[in-house]
Amino acid sequence: MDCLHDIAPSDEELIGFALDGEALSEEASSHLEQCETCQRRLDRYQRANASLVSRFYRSQCPDAGQLTYYSIGGLSPEDRQRIASHLLDCPLCMAEVEEARRYMQEQPIEFPAPSFTPYALVRRIFATLVKRPQLQFVLRSDALETSWPRQYKAEAVDLSLHLSRTSSGEHMLLGILTSVNPDEDVEAFAGLAAELYTAPLPATVNGNSARTRPLLRTRLDDLGNVVFKPVPNGEYVMIICLPDREIIIDGLNIDHG
């Protein structure tokens, strides 16, 4: 039933208020507070909108797990770009991402003391950069190409490194670790440490590496992904601490480009 009062808000005004939060005029707002008929009209539009949102609008939304991984930078570049594009048009998912980020800022995750460090007596392997497009190997003493993404190889382990930017414009370094060894499953690497140091690493002292703290430290996930952020401009060395060896990737130059 429609309200016949002269200052009652129109259907268009109530729909705009219910769907987009468009402000009503002072007279219409005052009338709405006192008129049960207009309150029922508004409730009808709000319930219809909620039903449409739950049934159709969110049918294309990523699930909660994907949004959480997006919030911590744990997705592949392709999935991250897909969700970032979706967030431009979906305020509901954007609100979930912002809530997840606020929660993580209030509850910072602290990593336990590393089981494997660059100072432990384990086998060290310097990864070699695979040049494109010829796919020839480059020794670490050679000039390294500066384009991204980059592909590295260390025995049976392949590492793809991608450089992108976070939503706030900071550098993010994403590594995707795979193994060509059929007996080596990257899921077994989940939880192992990966560290980013400012280059160069300290020289050895009496046969032992001088201790230093990494600039950033994170863990591999069960898909072999590793994410460092935010990464300031500079030159870095990455160390991935596998159970029986450490993979070292040096010559990582990150600038404002």
C-alpha atoms as a PDB file:
ATOM      1  CA  MET A   1       0.000   0.000   0.000  1.00  0.00           C
ATOM      2  CA  ASP A   2       1.332   3.427  -0.946  1.00  0.00           C
ATOM      3  CA  CYS A   3       1.408   6.385   1.391  1.00  0.00           C
ATOM      4  CA  LEU A   4      -0.713   9.316   0.163  1.00  0.00           C
ATOM      5  CA  HIS A   5       0.982  11.941   2.291  1.00  0.00           C
ATOM      6  CA  ASP A   6       2.389  14.854   0.273  1.00  0.00           C
ATOM      7  CA  ILE A   7       5.899  14.610   1.760  1.00  0.00           C
ATOM      8  CA  ALA A   8       6.098  10.805   1.619  1.00  0.00           C
ATOM      9  CA  PRO A   9       9.228   9.638  -0.256  1.00  0.00           C
ATOM     10  CA  SER A  10       8.597   8.292  -3.748  1.00  0.00           C
ATOM     11  CA  ASP A  11       9.356   4.712  -4.780  1.00  0.00           C
ATOM     12  CA  GLU A  12      12.496   5.905  -6.582  1.00  0.00           C
ATOM     13  CA  GLU A  13      13.716   7.715  -3.465  1.00  0.00           C
ATOM     14  CA  LEU A  14      13.104   4.708  -1.219  1.00  0.00           C
ATOM     15  CA  ILE A  15      14.833   2.360  -3.669  1.00  0.00           C
ATOM     16  CA  GLY A  16      17.843   4.667  -3.825  1.00  0.00           C
ATOM     17  CA  PHE A  17      17.911   4.828  -0.026  1.00  0.00           C
ATOM     18  CA  ALA A  18      17.546   1.042   0.376  1.00  0.00           C
ATOM     19  CA  LEU A  19      20.035   0.007  -2.323  1.00  0.00           C
ATOM     20  CA  ASP A  20      22.635   2.759  -2.437  1.00  0.00           C
ATOM     21  CA  GLY A  21      22.163   4.653   0.810  1.00  0.00           C
ATOM     22  CA  GLU A  22      21.142   7.830  -1.013  1.00  0.00           C
ATOM     23  CA  ALA A  23      20.069  10.393   1.567  1.00  0.00           C
ATOM     24  CA  LEU A  24      16.435  11.402   1.766  1.00  0.00           C
ATOM     25  CA  SER A  25      15.343  14.990   2.159  1.00  0.00           C
ATOM     26  CA  GLU A  26      14.958  16.204   5.722  1.00  0.00           C
ATOM     27  CA  GLU A  27      11.158  16.251   5.395  1.00  0.00           C
ATOM     28  CA  ALA A  28      11.013  12.763   3.855  1.00  0.00           C
ATOM     29  CA  SER A  29      13.385  11.377   6.482  1.00  0.00           C
ATOM     30  CA  SER A  30      11.294  12.847   9.299  1.00  0.00           C
ATOM     31  CA  HIS A  31       8.131  11.451   7.720  1.00  0.00           C
ATOM     32  CA  LEU A  32       9.704   7.983   7.363  1.00  0.00           C
ATOM     33  CA  GLU A  33      10.467   7.860  11.083  1.00  0.00           C
ATOM     34  CA  GLN A  34       6.782   8.334  11.912  1.00  0.00           C
ATOM     35  CA  CYS A  35       4.972   6.586   9.051  1.00  0.00           C
ATOM     36  CA  GLU A  36       4.445   2.817   9.390  1.00  0.00           C
ATOM     37  CA  THR A  37       3.269   2.563   5.782  1.00  0.00           C
ATOM     38  CA  CYS A  38       6.515   4.051   4.423  1.00  0.00           C
ATOM     39  CA  GLN A  39       8.529   1.923   6.829  1.00  0.00           C
ATOM     40  CA  ARG A  40       6.869  -1.194   5.393  1.00  0.00           C
ATOM     41  CA  ARG A  41       7.601   0.054   1.864  1.00  0.00           C
ATOM     42  CA  LEU A  42      11.264   0.540   2.763  1.00  0.00           C
ATOM     43  CA  ASP A  43      11.449  -2.884   4.421  1.00  0.00           C
ATOM     44  CA  ARG A  44      10.014  -4.494   1.274  1.00  0.00           C
ATOM     45  CA  TYR A  45      12.720  -2.930  -0.908  1.00  0.00           C
ATOM     46  CA  GLN A  46      15.481  -3.838   1.547  1.00  0.00           C
ATOM     47  CA  ARG A  47      14.367  -7.486   1.731  1.00  0.00           C
ATOM     48  CA  ALA A  48      14.121  -7.705  -2.058  1.00  0.00           C
ATOM     49  CA  ASN A  49      17.625  -6.278  -2.396  1.00  0.00           C
ATOM     50  CA  ALA A  50      19.040  -8.681   0.210  1.00  0.00           C
ATOM     51  CA  SER A  51      17.456 -11.624  -1.603  1.00  0.00           C
ATOM     52  CA  LEU A  52      18.916 -10.570  -4.952  1.00  0.00           C
ATOM     53  CA  VAL A  53      22.341 -10.036  -3.429  1.00  0.00           C
ATOM     54  CA  SER A  54      22.397 -13.455  -1.755  1.00  0.00           C
ATOM     55  CA  ARG A  55      21.047 -15.338  -4.787  1.00  0.00           C
ATOM     56  CA  PHE A  56      22.674 -13.631  -7.744  1.00  0.00           C
ATOM     57  CA  TYR A  57      25.168 -10.892  -6.950  1.00  0.00           C
ATOM     58  CA  ARG A  58      27.491 -13.129  -4.926  1.00  0.00           C
ATOM     59  CA  SER A  59      27.204 -16.110  -7.251  1.00  0.00           C
ATOM     60  CA  GLN A  60      30.333 -14.842  -9.047  1.00  0.00           C
ATOM     61  CA  CYS A  61      32.237 -14.019  -5.851  1.00  0.00           C
ATOM     62  CA  PRO A  62      35.410 -15.877  -4.792  1.00  0.00           C
ATOM     63  CA  ASP A  63      34.938 -18.076  -1.739  1.00  0.00           C
ATOM     64  CA  ALA A  64      36.104 -17.001   1.711  1.00  0.00           C
ATOM     65  CA  GLY A  65      39.319 -19.015   1.439  1.00  0.00           C
ATOM     66  CA  GLN A  66      40.366 -17.296  -1.781  1.00  0.00           C
ATOM     67  CA  LEU A  67      39.639 -13.874  -0.304  1.00  0.00           C
ATOM     68  CA  THR A  68      41.754 -14.722   2.743  1.00  0.00           C
ATOM     69  CA  TYR A  69      44.670 -15.857   0.573  1.00  0.00           C
ATOM     70  CA  TYR A  70      44.284 -12.679  -1.457  1.00  0.00           C
ATOM     71  CA  SER A  71      44.462 -10.625   1.739  1.00  0.00           C
ATOM     72  CA  ILE A  72      47.830 -12.153   2.670  1.00  0.00           C
ATOM     73  CA  GLY A  73      49.213 -12.187  -0.880  1.00  0.00           C
ATOM     74  CA  GLY A  74      49.184 -15.967  -1.137  1.00  0.00           C
ATOM     75  CA  LEU A  75      47.677 -16.391  -4.599  1.00  0.00           C
ATOM     76  CA  SER A  76      49.244 -16.825  -7.999  1.00  0.00           C
ATOM     77  CA  PRO A  77      49.576 -13.623 -10.062  1.00  0.00           C
ATOM     78  CA  GLU A  78      46.737 -14.776 -12.328  1.00  0.00           C
ATOM     79  CA  ASP A  79      44.324 -15.480  -9.452  1.00  0.00           C
ATOM     80  CA  ARG A  80      45.346 -12.282  -7.694  1.00  0.00           C
ATOM     81  CA  GLN A  81      44.608 -10.231 -10.821  1.00  0.00           C
ATOM     82  CA  ARG A  82      41.249 -11.975 -11.263  1.00  0.00           C
ATOM     83  CA  ILE A  83      40.173 -11.225  -7.696  1.00  0.00           C
ATOM     84  CA  ALA A  84      41.536  -7.675  -7.844  1.00  0.00           C
ATOM     85  CA  SER A  85      39.345  -7.038 -10.911  1.00  0.00           C
ATOM     86  CA  HIS A  86      36.346  -8.525  -9.110  1.00  0.00           C
ATOM     87  CA  LEU A  87      36.894  -6.291  -6.078  1.00  0.00           C
ATOM     88  CA  LEU A  88      36.540  -3.200  -8.253  1.00  0.00           C
ATOM     89  CA  ASP A  89      32.874  -4.091  -8.798  1.00  0.00           C
ATOM     90  CA  CYS A  90      32.013  -5.913  -5.565  1.00  0.00           C
ATOM     91  CA  PRO A  91      31.803  -3.872  -2.365  1.00  0.00           C
ATOM     92  CA  LEU A  92      30.829  -6.981  -0.378  1.00  0.00           C
ATOM     93  CA  CYS A  93      34.046  -8.841  -1.186  1.00  0.00           C
ATOM     94  CA  MET A  94      36.053  -5.650  -0.731  1.00  0.00           C
ATOM     95  CA  ALA A  95      34.574  -5.291   2.756  1.00  0.00           C
ATOM     96  CA  GLU A  96      35.572  -8.888   3.581  1.00  0.00           C
ATOM     97  CA  VAL A  97      39.136  -8.295   2.372  1.00  0.00           C
ATOM     98  CA  GLU A  98      39.429  -5.094   4.392  1.00  0.00           C
ATOM     99  CA  GLU A  99      38.073  -6.861   7.476  1.00  0.00           C
ATOM    100  CA  ALA A 100      40.582  -9.709   7.049  1.00  0.00           C
ATOM    101  CA  ARG A 101      43.458  -7.251   6.697  1.00  0.00           C
ATOM    102  CA  ARG A 102      42.368  -5.343   9.801  1.00  0.00           C
ATOM    103  CA  TYR A 103      42.213  -8.588  11.759  1.00  0.00           C
ATOM    104  CA  MET A 104      45.697  -9.647  10.642  1.00  0.00           C
ATOM    105  CA  GLN A 105      47.090  -6.244  11.592  1.00  0.00           C
ATOM    106  CA  GLU A 106      45.556  -6.584  15.052  1.00  0.00           C
ATOM    107  CA  GLN A 107      46.700 -10.209  15.391  1.00  0.00           C
ATOM    108  CA  PRO A 108      50.192 -10.303  13.842  1.00  0.00           C
ATOM    109  CA  ILE A 109      51.498 -13.748  12.990  1.00  0.00           C
ATOM    110  CA  GLU A 110      54.825 -14.493  14.640  1.00  0.00           C
ATOM    111  CA  PHE A 111      57.005 -17.163  13.110  1.00  0.00           C
ATOM    112  CA  PRO A 112      58.813 -19.556  15.434  1.00  0.00           C
ATOM    113  CA  ALA A 113      62.580 -19.646  15.506  1.00  0.00           C
ATOM    114  CA  PRO A 114      63.822 -21.018  12.166  1.00  0.00           C
ATOM    115  CA  SER A 115      64.774 -24.662  12.024  1.00  0.00           C
ATOM    116  CA  PHE A 116      67.144 -23.955   9.137  1.00  0.00           C
ATOM    117  CA  THR A 117      69.207 -20.807   8.843  1.00  0.00           C
ATOM    118  CA  PRO A 118      71.839 -19.558   6.409  1.00  0.00           C
ATOM    119  CA  TYR A 119      74.409 -20.268   9.109  1.00  0.00           C
ATOM    120  CA  ALA A 120      73.628 -23.941   9.559  1.00  0.00           C
ATOM    121  CA  LEU A 121      75.970 -26.548   8.195  1.00  0.00           C
ATOM    122  CA  VAL A 122      73.824 -27.612   5.263  1.00  0.00           C
ATOM    123  CA  ARG A 123      74.539 -27.868   1.574  1.00  0.00           C
ATOM    124  CA  ARG A 124      74.222 -24.544  -0.231  1.00  0.00           C
ATOM    125  CA  ILE A 125      73.146 -24.316  -3.851  1.00  0.00           C
ATOM    126  CA  PHE A 126      73.296 -21.083  -5.817  1.00  0.00           C
ATOM    127  CA  ALA A 127      70.408 -21.023  -8.265  1.00  0.00           C
ATOM    128  CA  THR A 128      71.170 -20.131 -11.866  1.00  0.00           C
ATOM    129  CA  LEU A 129      69.048 -17.756 -13.887  1.00  0.00           C
ATOM    130  CA  VAL A 130      67.483 -19.188 -17.034  1.00  0.00           C
ATOM    131  CA  LYS A 131      67.721 -16.534 -19.730  1.00  0.00           C
ATOM    132  CA  ARG A 132      64.856 -15.873 -22.077  1.00  0.00           C
ATOM    133  CA  PRO A 133      64.059 -16.563 -24.842  1.00  0.00           C
ATOM    134  CA  GLN A 134      67.005 -18.851 -25.589  1.00  0.00           C
ATOM    135  CA  LEU A 135      66.618 -20.597 -22.199  1.00  0.00           C
ATOM    136  CA  GLN A 136      70.369 -20.662 -21.678  1.00  0.00           C
ATOM    137  CA  PHE A 137      71.855 -20.838 -18.217  1.00  0.00           C
ATOM    138  CA  VAL A 138      73.623 -17.828 -16.775  1.00  0.00           C
ATOM    139  CA  LEU A 139      76.243 -18.187 -14.073  1.00  0.00           C
ATOM    140  CA  ARG A 140      75.777 -15.892 -11.113  1.00  0.00           C
ATOM    141  CA  SER A 141      79.005 -14.126 -12.037  1.00  0.00           C
ATOM    142  CA  ASP A 142      77.441 -13.017 -15.328  1.00  0.00           C
ATOM    143  CA  ALA A 143      75.268  -9.949 -15.752  1.00  0.00           C
ATOM    144  CA  LEU A 144      71.735 -10.822 -14.762  1.00  0.00           C
ATOM    145  CA  GLU A 145      68.783  -9.689 -16.803  1.00  0.00           C
ATOM    146  CA  THR A 146      66.463  -7.293 -15.046  1.00  0.00           C
ATOM    147  CA  SER A 147      63.133  -8.185 -16.623  1.00  0.00           C
ATOM    148  CA  TRP A 148      60.386  -9.992 -14.752  1.00  0.00           C
ATOM    149  CA  PRO A 149      59.231 -12.683 -14.292  1.00  0.00           C
ATOM    150  CA  ARG A 150      62.458 -14.657 -13.852  1.00  0.00           C
ATOM    151  CA  GLN A 151      63.072 -18.370 -13.923  1.00  0.00           C
ATOM    152  CA  TYR A 152      65.776 -19.986 -11.773  1.00  0.00           C
ATOM    153  CA  LYS A 153      67.052 -23.548 -11.524  1.00  0.00           C
ATOM    154  CA  ALA A 154      68.849 -25.276  -8.658  1.00  0.00           C
ATOM    155  CA  GLU A 155      69.411 -28.963  -9.399  1.00  0.00           C
ATOM    156  CA  ALA A 156      65.908 -30.522  -9.490  1.00  0.00           C
ATOM    157  CA  VAL A 157      64.195 -27.405  -8.139  1.00  0.00           C
ATOM    158  CA  ASP A 158      62.725 -24.722 -10.409  1.00  0.00           C
ATOM    159  CA  LEU A 159      61.776 -21.308  -9.052  1.00  0.00           C
ATOM    160  CA  SER A 160      59.666 -18.761 -10.898  1.00  0.00           C
ATOM    161  CA  LEU A 161      59.904 -15.232  -9.445  1.00  0.00           C
ATOM    162  CA  HIS A 162      57.297 -12.569 -10.181  1.00  0.00           C
ATOM    163  CA  LEU A 163      57.441  -8.910  -9.187  1.00  0.00           C
ATOM    164  CA  SER A 164      54.178  -7.015  -8.798  1.00  0.00           C
ATOM    165  CA  ARG A 165      52.639  -4.322  -6.646  1.00  0.00           C
ATOM    166  CA  THR A 166      50.228  -4.531  -3.745  1.00  0.00           C
ATOM    167  CA  SER A 167      46.991  -2.561  -3.655  1.00  0.00           C
ATOM    168  CA  SER A 168      48.884   0.158  -1.758  1.00  0.00           C
ATOM    169  CA  GLY A 169      51.545   0.402  -4.496  1.00  0.00           C
ATOM    170  CA  GLU A 170      54.353  -1.429  -2.663  1.00  0.00           C
ATOM    171  CA  HIS A 171      56.540  -4.081  -4.298  1.00  0.00           C
ATOM    172  CA  MET A 172      55.550  -7.711  -3.741  1.00  0.00           C
ATOM    173  CA  LEU A 173      57.851 -10.611  -4.656  1.00  0.00           C
ATOM    174  CA  LEU A 174      56.103 -13.914  -5.380  1.00  0.00           C
ATOM    175  CA  GLY A 175      58.021 -17.172  -5.805  1.00  0.00           C
ATOM    176  CA  ILE A 176      56.550 -20.399  -7.198  1.00  0.00           C
ATOM    177  CA  LEU A 177      58.659 -23.456  -6.354  1.00  0.00           C
ATOM    178  CA  THR A 178      58.394 -26.726  -8.295  1.00  0.00           C
ATOM    179  CA  SER A 179      60.528 -29.851  -8.530  1.00  0.00           C
ATOM    180  CA  VAL A 180      61.250 -32.095 -11.493  1.00  0.00           C
ATOM    181  CA  ASN A 181      62.199 -34.895  -9.092  1.00  0.00           C
ATOM    182  CA  PRO A 182      59.229 -37.324  -9.030  1.00  0.00           C
ATOM    183  CA  ASP A 183      60.188 -38.382  -5.499  1.00  0.00           C
ATOM    184  CA  GLU A 184      60.104 -34.801  -4.215  1.00  0.00           C
ATOM    185  CA  ASP A 185      56.643 -33.364  -3.535  1.00  0.00           C
ATOM    186  CA  VAL A 186      56.430 -29.607  -2.990  1.00  0.00           C
ATOM    187  CA  GLU A 187      53.702 -30.232  -0.405  1.00  0.00           C
ATOM    188  CA  ALA A 188      56.462 -31.568   1.847  1.00  0.00           C
ATOM    189  CA  PHE A 189      58.054 -28.087   1.762  1.00  0.00           C
ATOM    190  CA  ALA A 190      55.001 -26.440   3.367  1.00  0.00           C
ATOM    191  CA  GLY A 191      55.977 -24.438   6.433  1.00  0.00           C
ATOM    192  CA  LEU A 192      59.690 -24.254   5.617  1.00  0.00           C
ATOM    193  CA  ALA A 193      61.394 -20.902   5.922  1.00  0.00           C
ATOM    194  CA  ALA A 194      62.166 -18.511   3.096  1.00  0.00           C
ATOM    195  CA  GLU A 195      64.172 -15.375   3.857  1.00  0.00           C
ATOM    196  CA  LEU A 196      65.101 -12.181   2.056  1.00  0.00           C
ATOM    197  CA  TYR A 197      68.389 -10.462   2.940  1.00  0.00           C
ATOM    198  CA  THR A 198      69.878  -7.171   1.887  1.00  0.00           C
ATOM    199  CA  ALA A 199      72.826  -7.897  -0.416  1.00  0.00           C
ATOM    200  CA  PRO A 200      75.566  -8.810   0.017  1.00  0.00           C
ATOM    201  CA  LEU A 201      75.450 -11.525   2.657  1.00  0.00           C
ATOM    202  CA  PRO A 202      78.117 -11.124   5.371  1.00  0.00           C
ATOM    203  CA  ALA A 203      81.484 -12.697   4.742  1.00  0.00           C
ATOM    204  CA  THR A 204      82.432 -15.767   6.748  1.00  0.00           C
ATOM    205  CA  VAL A 205      84.294 -15.380  10.008  1.00  0.00           C
ATOM    206  CA  ASN A 206      86.484 -18.295  11.116  1.00  0.00           C
ATOM    207  CA  GLY A 207      84.619 -20.563   8.757  1.00  0.00           C
ATOM    208  CA  ASN A 208      81.178 -19.552  10.043  1.00  0.00           C
ATOM    209  CA  SER A 209      78.864 -17.028   8.466  1.00  0.00           C
ATOM    210  CA  ALA A 210      78.485 -13.835  10.453  1.00  0.00           C
ATOM    211  CA  ARG A 211      74.948 -13.689  11.835  1.00  0.00           C
ATOM    212  CA  THR A 212      72.478 -11.190  10.452  1.00  0.00           C
ATOM    213  CA  ARG A 213      68.725 -10.858  10.510  1.00  0.00           C
ATOM    214  CA  PRO A 214      66.700 -11.185   7.316  1.00  0.00           C
ATOM    215  CA  LEU A 215      64.830  -8.159   6.067  1.00  0.00           C
ATOM    216  CA  LEU A 216      61.734 -10.320   5.506  1.00  0.00           C
ATOM    217  CA  ARG A 217      60.900 -13.866   6.512  1.00  0.00           C
ATOM    218  CA  THR A 218      57.966 -16.025   5.468  1.00  0.00           C
ATOM    219  CA  ARG A 219      57.063 -19.657   4.814  1.00  0.00           C
ATOM    220  CA  LEU A 220      56.353 -21.837   1.820  1.00  0.00           C
ATOM    221  CA  ASP A 221      52.757 -22.964   1.470  1.00  0.00           C
ATOM    222  CA  ASP A 222      51.608 -26.422   0.391  1.00  0.00           C
ATOM    223  CA  LEU A 223      51.591 -25.343  -3.264  1.00  0.00           C
ATOM    224  CA  GLY A 224      55.213 -24.202  -3.220  1.00  0.00           C
ATOM    225  CA  ASN A 225      54.319 -20.498  -3.160  1.00  0.00           C
ATOM    226  CA  VAL A 226      56.259 -17.919  -1.189  1.00  0.00           C
ATOM    227  CA  VAL A 227      55.377 -14.221  -0.859  1.00  0.00           C
ATOM    228  CA  PHE A 228      57.532 -11.332   0.364  1.00  0.00           C
ATOM    229  CA  LYS A 229      55.960  -7.931   0.942  1.00  0.00           C
ATOM    230  CA  PRO A 230      56.457  -5.068   1.156  1.00  0.00           C
ATOM    231  CA  VAL A 231      59.876  -5.110  -0.535  1.00  0.00           C
ATOM    232  CA  PRO A 232      61.667  -1.728  -0.691  1.00  0.00           C
ATOM    233  CA  ASN A 233      63.896  -0.770  -3.605  1.00  0.00           C
ATOM    234  CA  GLY A 234      67.327  -2.354  -3.352  1.00  0.00           C
ATOM    235  CA  GLU A 235      69.432  -5.435  -4.060  1.00  0.00           C
ATOM    236  CA  TYR A 236      68.593  -8.655  -2.256  1.00  0.00           C
ATOM    237  CA  VAL A 237      69.537 -12.284  -1.696  1.00  0.00           C
ATOM    238  CA  MET A 238      66.786 -14.843  -1.188  1.00  0.00           C
ATOM    239  CA  ILE A 239      67.400 -18.052   0.752  1.00  0.00           C
ATOM    240  CA  ILE A 240      64.932 -20.943   0.666  1.00  0.00           C
ATOM    241  CA  CYS A 241      65.656 -23.389   3.487  1.00  0.00           C
ATOM    242  CA  LEU A 242      64.842 -26.932   2.385  1.00  0.00           C
ATOM    243  CA  PRO A 243      65.482 -29.884   4.726  1.00  0.00           C
ATOM    244  CA  ASP A 244      68.793 -31.009   3.227  1.00  0.00           C
ATOM    245  CA  ARG A 245      69.932 -27.905   1.378  1.00  0.00           C
ATOM    246  CA  GLU A 246      69.577 -24.170   1.072  1.00  0.00           C
ATOM    247  CA  ILE A 247      68.793 -22.584  -2.267  1.00  0.00           C
ATOM    248  CA  ILE A 248      70.334 -19.147  -2.669  1.00  0.00           C
ATOM    249  CA  ILE A 249      69.099 -16.672  -5.263  1.00  0.00           C
ATOM    250  CA  ASP A 250      71.246 -13.577  -5.526  1.00  0.00           C
ATOM    251  CA  GLY A 251      71.313 -10.535  -7.776  1.00  0.00           C
ATOM    252  CA  LEU A 252      67.691  -9.591  -7.073  1.00  0.00           C
ATOM    253  CA  ASN A 253      67.606  -5.928  -8.012  1.00  0.00           C
ATOM    254  CA  ILE A 254      64.308  -4.193  -7.335  1.00  0.00           C
ATOM    255  CA  ASP A 255      63.841  -0.587  -8.347  1.00  0.00           C
ATOM    256  CA  HIS A 256      60.966   1.793  -8.926  1.00  0.00           C
ATOM    257  CA  GLY A 257      60.363   0.592 -12.467  1.00  0.00           C
END
